[in-house]
C-alpha atoms as a PDB file:
ATOM      1  CA  MET A   1       1.747  11.899   1.704  1.00  0.00           C
ATOM      2  CA  PRO A   2       0.896   8.231   1.996  1.00  0.00           C
ATOM      3  CA  ARG A   3       0.211   5.812  -0.732  1.00  0.00           C
ATOM      4  CA  TYR A   4      -2.981   3.720  -0.517  1.00  0.00           C
ATOM      5  CA  THR A   5      -3.872   0.758  -3.035  1.00  0.00           C
ATOM      6  CA  TYR A   6      -7.489   0.365  -4.069  1.00  0.00           C
ATOM      7  CA  ALA A   7      -8.753  -2.370  -5.566  1.00  0.00           C
ATOM      8  CA  CYS A   8     -12.211  -3.262  -7.821  1.00  0.00           C
ATOM      9  CA  GLU A   9     -13.914  -6.251  -6.510  1.00  0.00           C
ATOM     10  CA  SER A  10     -15.587  -7.080  -9.601  1.00  0.00           C
ATOM     11  CA  CYS A  11     -12.690  -7.481 -12.091  1.00  0.00           C
ATOM     12  CA  GLY A  12      -9.477  -6.818  -9.745  1.00  0.00           C
ATOM     13  CA  PHE A  13      -8.314  -3.586 -11.350  1.00  0.00           C
ATOM     14  CA  GLU A  14      -5.824  -2.060  -8.750  1.00  0.00           C
ATOM     15  CA  ILE A  15      -4.639   1.507  -8.590  1.00  0.00           C
ATOM     16  CA  THR A  16      -2.280   3.388  -5.653  1.00  0.00           C
ATOM     17  CA  GLU A  17      -2.790   7.184  -5.254  1.00  0.00           C
ATOM     18  CA  ARG A  18      -1.180   9.495  -2.964  1.00  0.00           C
ATOM     19  CA  ARG A  19      -4.046  10.690  -0.442  1.00  0.00           C
ATOM     20  CA  SER A  20      -4.178  12.365   2.608  1.00  0.00           C
ATOM     21  CA  MET A  21      -5.162  10.522   5.428  1.00  0.00           C
ATOM     22  CA  ALA A  22      -8.461  12.070   5.809  1.00  0.00           C
ATOM     23  CA  GLU A  23      -9.261  11.049   2.375  1.00  0.00           C
ATOM     24  CA  ARG A  24      -7.963   7.147   2.186  1.00  0.00           C
ATOM     25  CA  ASP A  25     -11.476   6.130   3.054  1.00  0.00           C
ATOM     26  CA  ASP A  26     -13.250   8.211   0.234  1.00  0.00           C
ATOM     27  CA  LEU A  27     -13.241   4.971  -2.100  1.00  0.00           C
ATOM     28  CA  PRO A  28     -12.735   5.888  -5.768  1.00  0.00           C
ATOM     29  CA  ALA A  29     -14.837   4.180  -8.700  1.00  0.00           C
ATOM     30  CA  CYS A  30     -13.139   1.446 -10.992  1.00  0.00           C
ATOM     31  CA  GLN A  31     -12.522   3.425 -14.390  1.00  0.00           C
ATOM     32  CA  HIS A  32     -11.212   0.226 -15.907  1.00  0.00           C
ATOM     33  CA  GLY A  33     -13.374   0.381 -18.814  1.00  0.00           C
ATOM     34  CA  GLU A  34     -17.209   0.333 -19.778  1.00  0.00           C
ATOM     35  CA  ALA A  35     -16.714  -3.329 -20.978  1.00  0.00           C
ATOM     36  CA  PHE A  36     -16.091  -4.508 -17.422  1.00  0.00           C
ATOM     37  CA  HIS A  37     -18.263  -2.287 -15.705  1.00  0.00           C
ATOM     38  CA  PRO A  38     -21.592  -1.146 -17.764  1.00  0.00           C
ATOM     39  CA  ALA A  39     -22.196   1.350 -14.101  1.00  0.00           C
ATOM     40  CA  SER A  40     -18.735   2.674 -11.957  1.00  0.00           C
ATOM     41  CA  HIS A  41     -18.303   0.302  -9.065  1.00  0.00           C
ATOM     42  CA  PRO A  42     -16.824   1.365  -5.549  1.00  0.00           C
ATOM     43  CA  MET A  43     -13.395  -0.076  -5.330  1.00  0.00           C
ATOM     44  CA  LYS A  44     -12.209  -1.439  -1.686  1.00  0.00           C
ATOM     45  CA  ARG A  45      -8.609  -0.263  -0.171  1.00  0.00           C
ATOM     46  CA  THR A  46      -6.129  -2.807   0.075  1.00  0.00           C
ATOM     47  CA  LEU A  47      -2.983  -3.335   1.734  1.00  0.00           C
ATOM     48  CA  GLY A  48       0.139  -2.229  -0.078  1.00  0.00           C
ATOM     49  CA  GLN A  49       3.775  -2.072   0.146  1.00  0.00           C
ATOM     50  CA  THR A  50       5.328   0.122   2.450  1.00  0.00           C
ATOM     51  CA  SER A  51       8.006   2.616   1.461  1.00  0.00           C
ATOM     52  CA  PHE A  52      10.164   1.338   4.534  1.00  0.00           C
ATOM     53  CA  VAL A  53      13.135  -0.839   3.692  1.00  0.00           C
ATOM     54  CA  LEU A  54      16.145  -2.363   5.797  1.00  0.00           C
ATOM     55  CA  LYS A  55      19.238  -2.068   3.276  1.00  0.00           C
ATOM     56  CA  GLY A  56      22.559  -3.565   3.660  1.00  0.00           C
ATOM     57  CA  GLU A  57      24.398  -6.700   5.603  1.00  0.00           C
ATOM     58  CA  GLY A  58      21.494  -6.514   7.768  1.00  0.00           C
ATOM     59  CA  TRP A  59      20.855  -5.468  11.666  1.00  0.00           C
ATOM     60  CA  PHE A  60      20.505  -8.538  13.404  1.00  0.00           C
ATOM     61  CA  ARG A  61      23.233 -10.437  11.573  1.00  0.00           C
ATOM     62  CA  ASP A  62      25.594  -7.591  12.455  1.00  0.00           C
ATOM     63  CA  GLY A  63      24.267  -7.760  16.313  1.00  0.00           C
ATOM     64  CA  TYR A  64      22.436  -4.496  16.070  1.00  0.00           C
ATOM     65  CA  GLY A  65      21.285  -4.469  19.551  1.00  0.00           C
ATOM     66  CA  GLN A  66      23.510  -6.491  21.313  1.00  0.00           C
ATOM     67  CA  LYS A  67      25.250  -4.868  24.495  1.00  0.00           C
ATOM     68  CA  ALA A  68      28.861  -3.688  23.658  1.00  0.00           C
ATOM     69  CA  PRO A  69      31.521  -5.969  25.165  1.00  0.00           C
ATOM     70  CA  GLY A  70      32.314  -4.313  28.605  1.00  0.00           C
ATOM     71  CA  ALA A  71      29.243  -2.625  29.084  1.00  0.00           C
END
């Protein structure tokens, strides 16, 4: 299941939740505390980090995608 990051526009509090794609636009209410919000404020979905990471020496530097000699 994908992870989505939501941020409160009032106080900047962020949470990351695992949700189905059908639930991603159901905005949670900020629960940072009554001191910041007398009433619950809806949060906004933000861009978060992806789980895709290229590791190793690097595809470009290793010549990945170049034609083999003699081909």
